[in-house]
């Protein structure tokens, strides 16, 4: 039994590693609920980036030995260097798009009044659910692309339209009253205002009540479905190899909690970031559509990686310079 061209053992070992890292994260380092400080957040951000880069080096030097090589359209294995470039490109795309998630997390926690000491718990379970959903989305997307090649035009168009929409309007809002899953939750059980020391639900007089902690988790989980509609096609525009697409998603998502606490206080400074993200979506969407009409040379993968990295860097730099100019004026 295989997922794509990779053995079930490869998938199993990777997911066991992810579970082990999550257990260490929550069970050891975050056993006590507390507000995550900047120093702790930056440390964990560095840890997750280092783990992702270590996996990238594994692909580069041991990809063939570990049966981790990506495959092309015809099912032929690619070189170790090309597999590593595809992973790094997909990882950068996911990492840059996750910056937009941070804006939404800020709005959700502010909307429901979730204090800092409980935010890590919500994000942990939210991201755990996101990993499961991303796996389903990626495997489903890969299957569609392999059986129906015209789906690539659909995915590419989604990315183009999303990029254009993001360029025109970068502001995100939380509309909890429009969330059908949240409306269903409120029908099934009443919601109380008390945070109940960070619990998801409490039982009173024989009846269960949802807390704002559970409500915020539901909103984050359902919001991630919307993010997946953008991010999964973006990754599949880089590679349709399910393992490379999945691992790049996983490493980007695993570091999202730490990145949130590291950048939450300064995210409003990045006013131009959504322009960079929209350009990235338009770029990969156009490349995905063009890739169905022509075969790109191998060096094009390096060009894509450079364009994505440069766009993200320029967007952050111009945002910082704009903020500095506003402060000085």
C-alpha atoms as a PDB file:
ATOM      1  CA  UNK A   1       0.000   0.000   0.000  1.00  0.00           C
ATOM      2  CA  UNK A   2       1.358   3.439  -0.966  1.00  0.00           C
ATOM      3  CA  UNK A   3       0.435   7.097  -0.747  1.00  0.00           C
ATOM      4  CA  UNK A   4       1.612   8.283  -4.134  1.00  0.00           C
ATOM      5  CA  UNK A   5       4.970   6.620  -4.847  1.00  0.00           C
ATOM      6  CA  UNK A   6       6.036   6.503  -1.206  1.00  0.00           C
ATOM      7  CA  UNK A   7       5.774   3.547   1.136  1.00  0.00           C
ATOM      8  CA  UNK A   8       3.240   3.578   3.935  1.00  0.00           C
ATOM      9  CA  UNK A   9       6.239   3.210   6.283  1.00  0.00           C
ATOM     10  CA  UNK A  10       7.641   6.553   5.107  1.00  0.00           C
ATOM     11  CA  UNK A  11       4.309   8.228   5.826  1.00  0.00           C
ATOM     12  CA  UNK A  12       4.018   6.418   9.146  1.00  0.00           C
ATOM     13  CA  UNK A  13       7.502   7.355  10.364  1.00  0.00           C
ATOM     14  CA  UNK A  14       7.013  10.999   9.418  1.00  0.00           C
ATOM     15  CA  UNK A  15       3.654  11.253  11.176  1.00  0.00           C
ATOM     16  CA  UNK A  16       5.031   9.501  14.269  1.00  0.00           C
ATOM     17  CA  UNK A  17       7.795  12.095  14.335  1.00  0.00           C
ATOM     18  CA  UNK A  18       5.207  14.891  14.116  1.00  0.00           C
ATOM     19  CA  UNK A  19       3.163  13.362  16.955  1.00  0.00           C
ATOM     20  CA  UNK A  20       6.303  13.026  19.093  1.00  0.00           C
ATOM     21  CA  UNK A  21       7.185  16.687  18.521  1.00  0.00           C
ATOM     22  CA  UNK A  22       3.659  17.762  19.441  1.00  0.00           C
ATOM     23  CA  UNK A  23       3.709  15.657  22.616  1.00  0.00           C
ATOM     24  CA  UNK A  24       7.039  17.188  23.630  1.00  0.00           C
ATOM     25  CA  UNK A  25       5.724  20.661  22.834  1.00  0.00           C
ATOM     26  CA  UNK A  26       2.459  20.427  24.785  1.00  0.00           C
ATOM     27  CA  UNK A  27       3.264  17.785  27.381  1.00  0.00           C
ATOM     28  CA  UNK A  28       6.719  18.993  28.405  1.00  0.00           C
ATOM     29  CA  UNK A  29       7.350  22.621  27.491  1.00  0.00           C
ATOM     30  CA  UNK A  30       3.783  23.920  27.647  1.00  0.00           C
ATOM     31  CA  UNK A  31       2.305  21.709  30.336  1.00  0.00           C
ATOM     32  CA  UNK A  32       1.415  24.773  32.413  1.00  0.00           C
ATOM     33  CA  UNK A  33      -0.909  27.288  30.770  1.00  0.00           C
ATOM     34  CA  UNK A  34       0.828  30.631  30.484  1.00  0.00           C
ATOM     35  CA  UNK A  35       1.139  33.617  28.193  1.00  0.00           C
ATOM     36  CA  UNK A  36       3.956  32.858  25.728  1.00  0.00           C
ATOM     37  CA  UNK A  37       6.588  35.599  25.774  1.00  0.00           C
ATOM     38  CA  UNK A  38       8.547  36.970  22.826  1.00  0.00           C
ATOM     39  CA  UNK A  39      11.768  35.205  23.832  1.00  0.00           C
ATOM     40  CA  UNK A  40      10.093  31.808  24.189  1.00  0.00           C
ATOM     41  CA  UNK A  41       8.184  32.310  20.937  1.00  0.00           C
ATOM     42  CA  UNK A  42      11.327  33.262  19.009  1.00  0.00           C
ATOM     43  CA  UNK A  43      13.132  30.220  20.416  1.00  0.00           C
ATOM     44  CA  UNK A  44      10.374  27.855  19.277  1.00  0.00           C
ATOM     45  CA  UNK A  45      10.134  29.618  15.915  1.00  0.00           C
ATOM     46  CA  UNK A  46      13.833  28.936  15.440  1.00  0.00           C
ATOM     47  CA  UNK A  47      13.392  25.307  16.512  1.00  0.00           C
ATOM     48  CA  UNK A  48      10.619  24.631  13.986  1.00  0.00           C
ATOM     49  CA  UNK A  49      12.487  26.370  11.162  1.00  0.00           C
ATOM     50  CA  UNK A  50      15.622  24.381  12.035  1.00  0.00           C
ATOM     51  CA  UNK A  51      13.654  21.113  11.970  1.00  0.00           C
ATOM     52  CA  UNK A  52      12.200  22.010   8.562  1.00  0.00           C
ATOM     53  CA  UNK A  53      15.643  22.876   7.184  1.00  0.00           C
ATOM     54  CA  UNK A  54      17.058  19.626   8.611  1.00  0.00           C
ATOM     55  CA  UNK A  55      14.386  17.721   6.690  1.00  0.00           C
ATOM     56  CA  UNK A  56      15.300  19.727   3.589  1.00  0.00           C
ATOM     57  CA  UNK A  57      18.937  18.680   3.999  1.00  0.00           C
ATOM     58  CA  UNK A  58      17.765  15.080   4.410  1.00  0.00           C
ATOM     59  CA  UNK A  59      16.027  15.367   1.039  1.00  0.00           C
ATOM     60  CA  UNK A  60      19.120  16.932  -0.502  1.00  0.00           C
ATOM     61  CA  UNK A  61      21.660  14.357   0.676  1.00  0.00           C
ATOM     62  CA  UNK A  62      19.675  11.219   1.577  1.00  0.00           C
ATOM     63  CA  UNK A  63      16.455  11.564  -0.404  1.00  0.00           C
ATOM     64  CA  UNK A  64      17.165   8.561  -2.603  1.00  0.00           C
ATOM     65  CA  UNK A  65      18.309   6.337   0.270  1.00  0.00           C
ATOM     66  CA  UNK A  66      15.205   7.160   2.319  1.00  0.00           C
ATOM     67  CA  UNK A  67      12.830   6.868  -0.672  1.00  0.00           C
ATOM     68  CA  UNK A  68      11.796  10.500  -0.346  1.00  0.00           C
ATOM     69  CA  UNK A  69      12.321  11.658  -3.928  1.00  0.00           C
ATOM     70  CA  UNK A  70       9.521  13.587  -5.603  1.00  0.00           C
ATOM     71  CA  UNK A  71       8.166  12.375  -8.964  1.00  0.00           C
ATOM     72  CA  UNK A  72       7.380  14.206 -12.205  1.00  0.00           C
ATOM     73  CA  UNK A  73       4.206  14.016 -14.297  1.00  0.00           C
ATOM     74  CA  UNK A  74       5.230  10.694 -15.813  1.00  0.00           C
ATOM     75  CA  UNK A  75       5.930   9.147 -12.419  1.00  0.00           C
ATOM     76  CA  UNK A  76       9.728   9.270 -12.755  1.00  0.00           C
ATOM     77  CA  UNK A  77      11.736  10.129  -9.618  1.00  0.00           C
ATOM     78  CA  UNK A  78      13.431  13.518  -9.608  1.00  0.00           C
ATOM     79  CA  UNK A  79      16.946  14.217  -8.405  1.00  0.00           C
ATOM     80  CA  UNK A  80      17.706  14.855  -4.742  1.00  0.00           C
ATOM     81  CA  UNK A  81      18.565  18.505  -5.424  1.00  0.00           C
ATOM     82  CA  UNK A  82      15.363  19.151  -7.363  1.00  0.00           C
ATOM     83  CA  UNK A  83      13.275  17.444  -4.676  1.00  0.00           C
ATOM     84  CA  UNK A  84      14.900  19.648  -2.040  1.00  0.00           C
ATOM     85  CA  UNK A  85      14.208  22.796  -4.101  1.00  0.00           C
ATOM     86  CA  UNK A  86      10.549  21.807  -4.543  1.00  0.00           C
ATOM     87  CA  UNK A  87      10.179  21.250  -0.800  1.00  0.00           C
ATOM     88  CA  UNK A  88      11.836  24.558   0.079  1.00  0.00           C
ATOM     89  CA  UNK A  89       9.693  26.452  -2.456  1.00  0.00           C
ATOM     90  CA  UNK A  90       6.481  24.874  -1.146  1.00  0.00           C
ATOM     91  CA  UNK A  91       7.588  25.521   2.441  1.00  0.00           C
ATOM     92  CA  UNK A  92       8.256  29.196   1.728  1.00  0.00           C
ATOM     93  CA  UNK A  93       4.846  29.571   0.087  1.00  0.00           C
ATOM     94  CA  UNK A  94       3.109  27.991   3.080  1.00  0.00           C
ATOM     95  CA  UNK A  95       5.194  30.005   5.528  1.00  0.00           C
ATOM     96  CA  UNK A  96       4.375  33.259   3.770  1.00  0.00           C
ATOM     97  CA  UNK A  97       0.661  32.450   3.517  1.00  0.00           C
ATOM     98  CA  UNK A  98       0.637  31.526   7.207  1.00  0.00           C
ATOM     99  CA  UNK A  99       1.464  35.157   7.948  1.00  0.00           C
ATOM    100  CA  UNK A 100      -2.061  35.952   6.819  1.00  0.00           C
ATOM    101  CA  UNK A 101      -3.376  33.369   9.290  1.00  0.00           C
ATOM    102  CA  UNK A 102      -1.741  35.314  12.108  1.00  0.00           C
ATOM    103  CA  UNK A 103      -3.840  38.383  11.313  1.00  0.00           C
ATOM    104  CA  UNK A 104      -6.975  36.261  11.559  1.00  0.00           C
ATOM    105  CA  UNK A 105      -5.860  34.621  14.831  1.00  0.00           C
ATOM    106  CA  UNK A 106      -5.364  38.076  16.314  1.00  0.00           C
ATOM    107  CA  UNK A 107      -8.868  39.107  15.302  1.00  0.00           C
ATOM    108  CA  UNK A 108     -10.466  35.888  16.588  1.00  0.00           C
ATOM    109  CA  UNK A 109      -8.801  36.060  20.010  1.00  0.00           C
ATOM    110  CA  UNK A 110      -9.646  39.755  20.309  1.00  0.00           C
ATOM    111  CA  UNK A 111     -13.249  39.167  19.212  1.00  0.00           C
ATOM    112  CA  UNK A 112     -13.854  36.416  21.797  1.00  0.00           C
ATOM    113  CA  UNK A 113     -11.701  37.956  24.521  1.00  0.00           C
ATOM    114  CA  UNK A 114      -9.231  35.053  24.855  1.00  0.00           C
ATOM    115  CA  UNK A 115      -6.302  36.057  27.118  1.00  0.00           C
ATOM    116  CA  UNK A 116      -2.715  35.138  26.326  1.00  0.00           C
ATOM    117  CA  UNK A 117      -2.416  32.228  28.772  1.00  0.00           C
ATOM    118  CA  UNK A 118      -5.151  30.281  26.938  1.00  0.00           C
ATOM    119  CA  UNK A 119      -4.221  31.129  23.352  1.00  0.00           C
ATOM    120  CA  UNK A 120      -1.504  28.475  23.069  1.00  0.00           C
ATOM    121  CA  UNK A 121      -3.974  25.720  23.981  1.00  0.00           C
ATOM    122  CA  UNK A 122      -6.489  26.892  21.371  1.00  0.00           C
ATOM    123  CA  UNK A 123      -3.815  27.141  18.678  1.00  0.00           C
ATOM    124  CA  UNK A 124      -2.385  23.709  19.566  1.00  0.00           C
ATOM    125  CA  UNK A 125      -5.680  21.895  19.022  1.00  0.00           C
ATOM    126  CA  UNK A 126      -6.569  24.149  16.109  1.00  0.00           C
ATOM    127  CA  UNK A 127      -3.347  23.340  14.312  1.00  0.00           C
ATOM    128  CA  UNK A 128      -3.675  19.629  15.125  1.00  0.00           C
ATOM    129  CA  UNK A 129      -7.034  19.676  13.358  1.00  0.00           C
ATOM    130  CA  UNK A 130      -5.498  21.683  10.503  1.00  0.00           C
ATOM    131  CA  UNK A 131      -2.885  18.953   9.936  1.00  0.00           C
ATOM    132  CA  UNK A 132      -5.613  16.347   9.443  1.00  0.00           C
ATOM    133  CA  UNK A 133      -7.592  18.605   7.108  1.00  0.00           C
ATOM    134  CA  UNK A 134      -4.510  19.512   5.052  1.00  0.00           C
ATOM    135  CA  UNK A 135      -3.690  15.833   4.564  1.00  0.00           C
ATOM    136  CA  UNK A 136      -7.201  15.193   3.257  1.00  0.00           C
ATOM    137  CA  UNK A 137      -7.077  18.274   1.012  1.00  0.00           C
ATOM    138  CA  UNK A 138      -3.651  17.398  -0.407  1.00  0.00           C
ATOM    139  CA  UNK A 139      -4.428  13.731  -1.114  1.00  0.00           C
ATOM    140  CA  UNK A 140      -7.747  14.748  -2.656  1.00  0.00           C
ATOM    141  CA  UNK A 141      -6.138  17.496  -4.728  1.00  0.00           C
ATOM    142  CA  UNK A 142      -3.359  15.216  -5.976  1.00  0.00           C
ATOM    143  CA  UNK A 143      -5.900  12.547  -6.955  1.00  0.00           C
ATOM    144  CA  UNK A 144      -7.959  15.111  -8.875  1.00  0.00           C
ATOM    145  CA  UNK A 145      -4.913  16.472 -10.701  1.00  0.00           C
ATOM    146  CA  UNK A 146      -3.749  12.990 -11.691  1.00  0.00           C
ATOM    147  CA  UNK A 147      -7.153  11.855 -12.985  1.00  0.00           C
ATOM    148  CA  UNK A 148      -8.495  15.153 -14.316  1.00  0.00           C
ATOM    149  CA  UNK A 149      -5.754  17.394 -15.691  1.00  0.00           C
ATOM    150  CA  UNK A 150      -8.213  20.240 -16.301  1.00  0.00           C
ATOM    151  CA  UNK A 151      -8.463  20.657 -12.506  1.00  0.00           C
ATOM    152  CA  UNK A 152      -5.078  22.416 -12.714  1.00  0.00           C
ATOM    153  CA  UNK A 153      -6.804  25.260 -14.570  1.00  0.00           C
ATOM    154  CA  UNK A 154      -9.420  25.431 -11.802  1.00  0.00           C
ATOM    155  CA  UNK A 155      -6.759  25.536  -9.066  1.00  0.00           C
ATOM    156  CA  UNK A 156      -4.737  28.107 -10.992  1.00  0.00           C
ATOM    157  CA  UNK A 157      -7.796  30.290 -11.487  1.00  0.00           C
ATOM    158  CA  UNK A 158      -8.626  30.067  -7.762  1.00  0.00           C
ATOM    159  CA  UNK A 159      -5.126  31.304  -6.938  1.00  0.00           C
ATOM    160  CA  UNK A 160      -5.331  34.137  -9.467  1.00  0.00           C
ATOM    161  CA  UNK A 161      -8.709  35.335  -8.216  1.00  0.00           C
ATOM    162  CA  UNK A 162      -7.656  35.028  -4.560  1.00  0.00           C
ATOM    163  CA  UNK A 163      -4.482  36.984  -5.259  1.00  0.00           C
ATOM    164  CA  UNK A 164      -6.401  39.749  -7.037  1.00  0.00           C
ATOM    165  CA  UNK A 165      -8.970  39.923  -4.231  1.00  0.00           C
ATOM    166  CA  UNK A 166      -6.229  40.085  -1.591  1.00  0.00           C
ATOM    167  CA  UNK A 167      -4.460  42.857  -3.523  1.00  0.00           C
ATOM    168  CA  UNK A 168      -7.612  44.964  -3.639  1.00  0.00           C
ATOM    169  CA  UNK A 169      -8.632  44.381  -0.031  1.00  0.00           C
ATOM    170  CA  UNK A 170      -6.109  43.166   2.521  1.00  0.00           C
ATOM    171  CA  UNK A 171      -8.301  43.679   5.596  1.00  0.00           C
ATOM    172  CA  UNK A 172      -9.627  40.581   7.362  1.00  0.00           C
ATOM    173  CA  UNK A 173     -12.725  40.494   9.545  1.00  0.00           C
ATOM    174  CA  UNK A 174     -14.362  37.972  11.824  1.00  0.00           C
ATOM    175  CA  UNK A 175     -18.058  37.301  11.147  1.00  0.00           C
ATOM    176  CA  UNK A 176     -18.978  34.692  13.726  1.00  0.00           C
ATOM    177  CA  UNK A 177     -22.680  35.078  12.970  1.00  0.00           C
ATOM    178  CA  UNK A 178     -22.057  33.815   9.419  1.00  0.00           C
ATOM    179  CA  UNK A 179     -20.167  30.689  10.505  1.00  0.00           C
ATOM    180  CA  UNK A 180     -22.508  27.698   9.955  1.00  0.00           C
ATOM    181  CA  UNK A 181     -20.467  25.351  12.180  1.00  0.00           C
ATOM    182  CA  UNK A 182     -20.549  27.855  15.027  1.00  0.00           C
ATOM    183  CA  UNK A 183     -24.313  28.315  14.600  1.00  0.00           C
ATOM    184  CA  UNK A 184     -24.694  24.524  14.795  1.00  0.00           C
ATOM    185  CA  UNK A 185     -22.592  24.422  17.990  1.00  0.00           C
ATOM    186  CA  UNK A 186     -24.794  27.061  19.597  1.00  0.00           C
ATOM    187  CA  UNK A 187     -27.861  25.004  18.741  1.00  0.00           C
ATOM    188  CA  UNK A 188     -26.382  21.875  20.292  1.00  0.00           C
ATOM    189  CA  UNK A 189     -25.185  23.477  23.526  1.00  0.00           C
ATOM    190  CA  UNK A 190     -25.484  26.916  25.143  1.00  0.00           C
ATOM    191  CA  UNK A 191     -22.454  29.189  25.287  1.00  0.00           C
ATOM    192  CA  UNK A 192     -21.390  30.901  28.497  1.00  0.00           C
ATOM    193  CA  UNK A 193     -19.175  33.971  28.881  1.00  0.00           C
ATOM    194  CA  UNK A 194     -16.994  32.503  31.659  1.00  0.00           C
ATOM    195  CA  UNK A 195     -13.621  31.194  30.425  1.00  0.00           C
ATOM    196  CA  UNK A 196     -13.742  28.418  33.083  1.00  0.00           C
ATOM    197  CA  UNK A 197      -9.951  28.455  33.594  1.00  0.00           C
ATOM    198  CA  UNK A 198      -9.298  27.537  29.979  1.00  0.00           C
ATOM    199  CA  UNK A 199     -11.627  24.549  29.692  1.00  0.00           C
ATOM    200  CA  UNK A 200     -13.530  23.923  26.471  1.00  0.00           C
ATOM    201  CA  UNK A 201     -16.812  23.087  28.221  1.00  0.00           C
ATOM    202  CA  UNK A 202     -18.263  22.949  31.731  1.00  0.00           C
ATOM    203  CA  UNK A 203     -21.180  21.001  33.194  1.00  0.00           C
ATOM    204  CA  UNK A 204     -23.683  22.841  35.366  1.00  0.00           C
ATOM    205  CA  UNK A 205     -26.966  21.480  36.716  1.00  0.00           C
ATOM    206  CA  UNK A 206     -26.618  18.429  34.500  1.00  0.00           C
ATOM    207  CA  UNK A 207     -26.152  20.487  31.317  1.00  0.00           C
ATOM    208  CA  UNK A 208     -23.024  21.155  29.265  1.00  0.00           C
ATOM    209  CA  UNK A 209     -22.039  24.730  28.398  1.00  0.00           C
ATOM    210  CA  UNK A 210     -19.469  25.709  25.781  1.00  0.00           C
ATOM    211  CA  UNK A 211     -16.912  28.330  26.800  1.00  0.00           C
ATOM    212  CA  UNK A 212     -15.392  31.061  24.598  1.00  0.00           C
ATOM    213  CA  UNK A 213     -12.302  28.802  24.402  1.00  0.00           C
ATOM    214  CA  UNK A 214     -14.279  26.164  22.477  1.00  0.00           C
ATOM    215  CA  UNK A 215     -16.047  28.780  20.378  1.00  0.00           C
ATOM    216  CA  UNK A 216     -12.750  30.354  19.290  1.00  0.00           C
ATOM    217  CA  UNK A 217     -11.368  26.895  18.453  1.00  0.00           C
ATOM    218  CA  UNK A 218     -14.381  26.155  16.246  1.00  0.00           C
ATOM    219  CA  UNK A 219     -13.925  29.441  14.404  1.00  0.00           C
ATOM    220  CA  UNK A 220     -10.188  28.803  13.910  1.00  0.00           C
ATOM    221  CA  UNK A 221     -10.809  25.261  12.602  1.00  0.00           C
ATOM    222  CA  UNK A 222     -13.475  26.344  10.129  1.00  0.00           C
ATOM    223  CA  UNK A 223     -11.417  29.352   9.049  1.00  0.00           C
ATOM    224  CA  UNK A 224      -8.521  27.008   8.251  1.00  0.00           C
ATOM    225  CA  UNK A 225     -10.740  25.239   5.721  1.00  0.00           C
ATOM    226  CA  UNK A 226     -10.948  28.538   3.847  1.00  0.00           C
ATOM    227  CA  UNK A 227      -7.177  28.997   4.100  1.00  0.00           C
ATOM    228  CA  UNK A 228      -6.651  25.476   2.756  1.00  0.00           C
ATOM    229  CA  UNK A 229      -8.627  26.365  -0.373  1.00  0.00           C
ATOM    230  CA  UNK A 230      -5.847  28.856  -1.160  1.00  0.00           C
ATOM    231  CA  UNK A 231      -2.743  27.235   0.299  1.00  0.00           C
ATOM    232  CA  UNK A 232      -3.185  23.664  -0.944  1.00  0.00           C
ATOM    233  CA  UNK A 233      -3.566  24.669  -4.622  1.00  0.00           C
ATOM    234  CA  UNK A 234      -0.566  26.977  -4.141  1.00  0.00           C
ATOM    235  CA  UNK A 235       1.585  24.067  -2.960  1.00  0.00           C
ATOM    236  CA  UNK A 236       0.233  21.757  -5.655  1.00  0.00           C
ATOM    237  CA  UNK A 237       1.283  24.373  -8.206  1.00  0.00           C
ATOM    238  CA  UNK A 238       4.845  23.624  -7.094  1.00  0.00           C
ATOM    239  CA  UNK A 239       4.643  19.833  -6.821  1.00  0.00           C
ATOM    240  CA  UNK A 240       1.943  17.189  -7.113  1.00  0.00           C
ATOM    241  CA  UNK A 241       4.017  14.718  -5.122  1.00  0.00           C
ATOM    242  CA  UNK A 242       1.790  14.100  -2.069  1.00  0.00           C
ATOM    243  CA  UNK A 243       4.598  13.546   0.445  1.00  0.00           C
ATOM    244  CA  UNK A 244       6.533  16.699  -0.472  1.00  0.00           C
ATOM    245  CA  UNK A 245       3.327  18.753  -0.549  1.00  0.00           C
ATOM    246  CA  UNK A 246       2.227  17.354   2.811  1.00  0.00           C
ATOM    247  CA  UNK A 247       5.560  17.649   4.630  1.00  0.00           C
ATOM    248  CA  UNK A 248       6.042  21.255   3.505  1.00  0.00           C
ATOM    249  CA  UNK A 249       2.529  22.053   4.791  1.00  0.00           C
ATOM    250  CA  UNK A 250       3.144  20.273   8.074  1.00  0.00           C
ATOM    251  CA  UNK A 251       6.413  22.027   8.874  1.00  0.00           C
ATOM    252  CA  UNK A 252       4.922  25.427   8.040  1.00  0.00           C
ATOM    253  CA  UNK A 253       1.837  24.769  10.184  1.00  0.00           C
ATOM    254  CA  UNK A 254       3.813  23.333  13.121  1.00  0.00           C
ATOM    255  CA  UNK A 255       5.757  26.562  13.398  1.00  0.00           C
ATOM    256  CA  UNK A 256       2.654  28.716  13.076  1.00  0.00           C
ATOM    257  CA  UNK A 257       1.872  28.863  16.820  1.00  0.00           C
ATOM    258  CA  UNK A 258       5.355  30.037  17.746  1.00  0.00           C
ATOM    259  CA  UNK A 259       5.362  32.491  14.840  1.00  0.00           C
ATOM    260  CA  UNK A 260       2.044  33.883  16.038  1.00  0.00           C
ATOM    261  CA  UNK A 261       3.362  34.659  19.531  1.00  0.00           C
ATOM    262  CA  UNK A 262       6.612  36.030  18.091  1.00  0.00           C
ATOM    263  CA  UNK A 263       4.916  38.407  15.654  1.00  0.00           C
ATOM    264  CA  UNK A 264       1.476  39.056  17.184  1.00  0.00           C
ATOM    265  CA  UNK A 265       2.512  42.356  18.685  1.00  0.00           C
ATOM    266  CA  UNK A 266       4.142  43.727  15.535  1.00  0.00           C
ATOM    267  CA  UNK A 267       1.946  42.263  12.755  1.00  0.00           C
ATOM    268  CA  UNK A 268       0.036  45.555  12.328  1.00  0.00           C
ATOM    269  CA  UNK A 269       3.362  47.061  11.185  1.00  0.00           C
ATOM    270  CA  UNK A 270       3.410  44.861   8.067  1.00  0.00           C
ATOM    271  CA  UNK A 271       0.987  46.977   6.028  1.00  0.00           C
ATOM    272  CA  UNK A 272       2.410  45.904   2.653  1.00  0.00           C
ATOM    273  CA  UNK A 273       2.562  42.192   3.444  1.00  0.00           C
ATOM    274  CA  UNK A 274      -0.779  41.385   1.816  1.00  0.00           C
ATOM    275  CA  UNK A 275       0.520  42.867  -1.462  1.00  0.00           C
ATOM    276  CA  UNK A 276       3.426  40.445  -1.368  1.00  0.00           C
ATOM    277  CA  UNK A 277       1.174  37.498  -0.540  1.00  0.00           C
ATOM    278  CA  UNK A 278      -1.238  38.425  -3.319  1.00  0.00           C
ATOM    279  CA  UNK A 279       1.626  38.644  -5.827  1.00  0.00           C
ATOM    280  CA  UNK A 280       2.859  35.206  -4.739  1.00  0.00           C
ATOM    281  CA  UNK A 281      -0.620  33.709  -5.276  1.00  0.00           C
ATOM    282  CA  UNK A 282      -0.944  35.372  -8.693  1.00  0.00           C
ATOM    283  CA  UNK A 283       2.556  34.221  -9.650  1.00  0.00           C
ATOM    284  CA  UNK A 284       2.105  30.554  -8.680  1.00  0.00           C
ATOM    285  CA  UNK A 285      -1.437  30.507 -10.089  1.00  0.00           C
ATOM    286  CA  UNK A 286      -0.249  31.797 -13.452  1.00  0.00           C
ATOM    287  CA  UNK A 287       2.674  29.375 -13.407  1.00  0.00           C
ATOM    288  CA  UNK A 288       0.314  26.486 -12.640  1.00  0.00           C
ATOM    289  CA  UNK A 289      -1.878  27.309 -15.643  1.00  0.00           C
ATOM    290  CA  UNK A 290       1.129  27.893 -17.913  1.00  0.00           C
ATOM    291  CA  UNK A 291       2.626  24.596 -16.745  1.00  0.00           C
ATOM    292  CA  UNK A 292      -0.253  22.729 -18.371  1.00  0.00           C
ATOM    293  CA  UNK A 293       0.615  24.267 -21.740  1.00  0.00           C
ATOM    294  CA  UNK A 294       4.418  24.155 -21.699  1.00  0.00           C
ATOM    295  CA  UNK A 295       7.109  22.175 -19.898  1.00  0.00           C
ATOM    296  CA  UNK A 296       9.321  24.441 -17.820  1.00  0.00           C
ATOM    297  CA  UNK A 297      13.086  23.784 -17.735  1.00  0.00           C
ATOM    298  CA  UNK A 298      14.608  22.647 -14.453  1.00  0.00           C
ATOM    299  CA  UNK A 299      16.159  26.059 -13.741  1.00  0.00           C
ATOM    300  CA  UNK A 300      12.643  27.516 -13.590  1.00  0.00           C
ATOM    301  CA  UNK A 301      12.237  25.927 -10.151  1.00  0.00           C
ATOM    302  CA  UNK A 302      15.156  28.001  -8.893  1.00  0.00           C
ATOM    303  CA  UNK A 303      13.595  31.102 -10.445  1.00  0.00           C
ATOM    304  CA  UNK A 304      10.296  30.386  -8.669  1.00  0.00           C
ATOM    305  CA  UNK A 305      12.076  29.917  -5.341  1.00  0.00           C
ATOM    306  CA  UNK A 306      13.971  33.188  -5.804  1.00  0.00           C
ATOM    307  CA  UNK A 307      10.858  35.154  -6.828  1.00  0.00           C
ATOM    308  CA  UNK A 308       8.855  33.924  -3.823  1.00  0.00           C
ATOM    309  CA  UNK A 309      11.662  34.576  -1.327  1.00  0.00           C
ATOM    310  CA  UNK A 310      12.409  38.019  -2.812  1.00  0.00           C
ATOM    311  CA  UNK A 311       8.731  39.021  -2.859  1.00  0.00           C
ATOM    312  CA  UNK A 312       8.251  38.118   0.788  1.00  0.00           C
ATOM    313  CA  UNK A 313      11.445  39.924   1.780  1.00  0.00           C
ATOM    314  CA  UNK A 314      10.572  43.078  -0.185  1.00  0.00           C
ATOM    315  CA  UNK A 315       7.032  43.180   1.257  1.00  0.00           C
ATOM    316  CA  UNK A 316       8.378  42.970   4.815  1.00  0.00           C
ATOM    317  CA  UNK A 317      11.140  45.516   4.132  1.00  0.00           C
ATOM    318  CA  UNK A 318       8.815  48.100   2.548  1.00  0.00           C
ATOM    319  CA  UNK A 319       6.371  47.656   5.445  1.00  0.00           C
ATOM    320  CA  UNK A 320       9.095  48.347   7.999  1.00  0.00           C
ATOM    321  CA  UNK A 321      10.377  51.364   6.058  1.00  0.00           C
ATOM    322  CA  UNK A 322       6.840  52.726   5.674  1.00  0.00           C
ATOM    323  CA  UNK A 323       6.241  52.376   9.425  1.00  0.00           C
ATOM    324  CA  UNK A 324       9.550  54.057  10.239  1.00  0.00           C
ATOM    325  CA  UNK A 325       8.665  56.942   7.939  1.00  0.00           C
ATOM    326  CA  UNK A 326       5.267  57.322   9.580  1.00  0.00           C
ATOM    327  CA  UNK A 327       6.869  57.393  13.030  1.00  0.00           C
ATOM    328  CA  UNK A 328       9.434  60.014  12.016  1.00  0.00           C
ATOM    329  CA  UNK A 329       6.894  62.252  10.278  1.00  0.00           C
END
